[in-house]
Amino acid sequence: MALSKTQQALAYLQEGMTPKEAAQKAGVAESTLRVAMGKRSGKTICPCCGQIVREGFEINLDLAKTTER
């Protein structure tokens, strides 16, 4: 499964890049990346796909695939 440009930029942040560097490398606007960072703040993130888990849903970690991010 290919990551979107925004998801790629979020992955670069996890690797230690600054938001500006990550946005430039992924080819997205820094403001787009910062909006995505704000939306993810304090929310559960799926270990398989990196998407936000909606309220009311849970992840069964026994069934979830884990990937290197």
C-alpha atoms as a PDB file:
ATOM      1  CA  MET A   1       0.000   0.000   0.000  1.00  0.00           C
ATOM      2  CA  ALA A   2       1.520   3.279  -1.110  1.00  0.00           C
ATOM      3  CA  LEU A   3       1.531   6.176   1.317  1.00  0.00           C
ATOM      4  CA  SER A   4       0.126   9.563   0.375  1.00  0.00           C
ATOM      5  CA  LYS A   5       2.540  12.492   0.227  1.00  0.00           C
ATOM      6  CA  THR A   6       1.219  13.748   3.561  1.00  0.00           C
ATOM      7  CA  GLN A   7       1.690  10.313   5.160  1.00  0.00           C
ATOM      8  CA  GLN A   8       5.235  10.204   3.757  1.00  0.00           C
ATOM      9  CA  ALA A   9       5.929  13.595   5.333  1.00  0.00           C
ATOM     10  CA  LEU A  10       4.536  12.371   8.674  1.00  0.00           C
ATOM     11  CA  ALA A  11       6.851   9.346   8.430  1.00  0.00           C
ATOM     12  CA  TYR A  12       9.818  11.672   7.837  1.00  0.00           C
ATOM     13  CA  LEU A  13       8.861  13.510  11.030  1.00  0.00           C
ATOM     14  CA  GLN A  14       9.070  10.208  12.909  1.00  0.00           C
ATOM     15  CA  GLU A  15      12.604   9.829  11.539  1.00  0.00           C
ATOM     16  CA  GLY A  16      13.557  13.135  13.157  1.00  0.00           C
ATOM     17  CA  MET A  17      13.218  15.653  10.326  1.00  0.00           C
ATOM     18  CA  THR A  18      11.793  19.103  10.964  1.00  0.00           C
ATOM     19  CA  PRO A  19       8.324  19.835   9.562  1.00  0.00           C
ATOM     20  CA  LYS A  20       9.839  22.105   6.905  1.00  0.00           C
ATOM     21  CA  GLU A  21      12.357  19.454   5.784  1.00  0.00           C
ATOM     22  CA  ALA A  22       9.758  16.670   5.810  1.00  0.00           C
ATOM     23  CA  ALA A  23       7.263  18.706   3.780  1.00  0.00           C
ATOM     24  CA  GLN A  24       9.874  19.651   1.181  1.00  0.00           C
ATOM     25  CA  LYS A  25      11.128  16.084   0.827  1.00  0.00           C
ATOM     26  CA  ALA A  26       7.591  14.682   0.453  1.00  0.00           C
ATOM     27  CA  GLY A  27       6.486  17.430  -1.920  1.00  0.00           C
ATOM     28  CA  VAL A  28       3.688  18.944   0.170  1.00  0.00           C
ATOM     29  CA  ALA A  29       3.156  22.404   1.616  1.00  0.00           C
ATOM     30  CA  GLU A  30       4.401  22.844   5.163  1.00  0.00           C
ATOM     31  CA  SER A  31       0.948  24.134   6.158  1.00  0.00           C
ATOM     32  CA  THR A  32      -0.611  20.880   4.901  1.00  0.00           C
ATOM     33  CA  LEU A  33       1.770  18.887   7.060  1.00  0.00           C
ATOM     34  CA  ARG A  34       1.086  21.039  10.111  1.00  0.00           C
ATOM     35  CA  VAL A  35      -2.693  20.569   9.688  1.00  0.00           C
ATOM     36  CA  ALA A  36      -2.167  16.786   9.539  1.00  0.00           C
ATOM     37  CA  MET A  37       0.031  16.954  12.642  1.00  0.00           C
ATOM     38  CA  GLY A  38      -2.736  18.813  14.494  1.00  0.00           C
ATOM     39  CA  LYS A  39      -5.380  16.292  13.460  1.00  0.00           C
ATOM     40  CA  ARG A  40      -3.267  13.384  14.712  1.00  0.00           C
ATOM     41  CA  SER A  41      -2.360  15.011  18.017  1.00  0.00           C
ATOM     42  CA  GLY A  42      -3.674  12.967  20.942  1.00  0.00           C
ATOM     43  CA  LYS A  43      -5.449  10.386  18.769  1.00  0.00           C
ATOM     44  CA  THR A  44      -4.929   6.658  18.333  1.00  0.00           C
ATOM     45  CA  ILE A  45      -3.033   5.822  15.154  1.00  0.00           C
ATOM     46  CA  CYS A  46      -3.367   2.455  13.385  1.00  0.00           C
ATOM     47  CA  PRO A  47      -0.011   0.627  13.388  1.00  0.00           C
ATOM     48  CA  CYS A  48      -0.795  -0.967   9.998  1.00  0.00           C
ATOM     49  CA  CYS A  49      -1.694   1.996   7.841  1.00  0.00           C
ATOM     50  CA  GLY A  50      -0.924   5.076   9.926  1.00  0.00           C
ATOM     51  CA  GLN A  51      -4.522   6.345   9.711  1.00  0.00           C
ATOM     52  CA  ILE A  52      -6.369   7.899  12.649  1.00  0.00           C
ATOM     53  CA  VAL A  53      -8.656   5.372  14.353  1.00  0.00           C
ATOM     54  CA  ARG A  54     -12.147   6.853  14.541  1.00  0.00           C
ATOM     55  CA  GLU A  55     -13.898   7.261  17.857  1.00  0.00           C
ATOM     56  CA  GLY A  56     -15.789   4.131  18.865  1.00  0.00           C
ATOM     57  CA  PHE A  57     -13.429   1.784  17.032  1.00  0.00           C
ATOM     58  CA  GLU A  58     -10.543  -0.162  18.508  1.00  0.00           C
ATOM     59  CA  ILE A  59      -7.583  -1.994  17.088  1.00  0.00           C
ATOM     60  CA  ASN A  60      -7.049  -5.670  17.840  1.00  0.00           C
ATOM     61  CA  LEU A  61      -3.259  -5.647  17.971  1.00  0.00           C
ATOM     62  CA  ASP A  62      -3.177  -9.454  17.714  1.00  0.00           C
ATOM     63  CA  LEU A  63      -4.596  -9.186  14.187  1.00  0.00           C
ATOM     64  CA  ALA A  64      -2.893  -5.981  13.093  1.00  0.00           C
ATOM     65  CA  LYS A  65       0.155  -6.036  10.869  1.00  0.00           C
ATOM     66  CA  THR A  66       2.957  -3.861  12.110  1.00  0.00           C
ATOM     67  CA  THR A  67       5.246  -2.076   9.706  1.00  0.00           C
ATOM     68  CA  GLU A  68       8.486  -0.226  10.104  1.00  0.00           C
ATOM     69  CA  ARG A  69       7.808   3.516  10.058  1.00  0.00           C
END
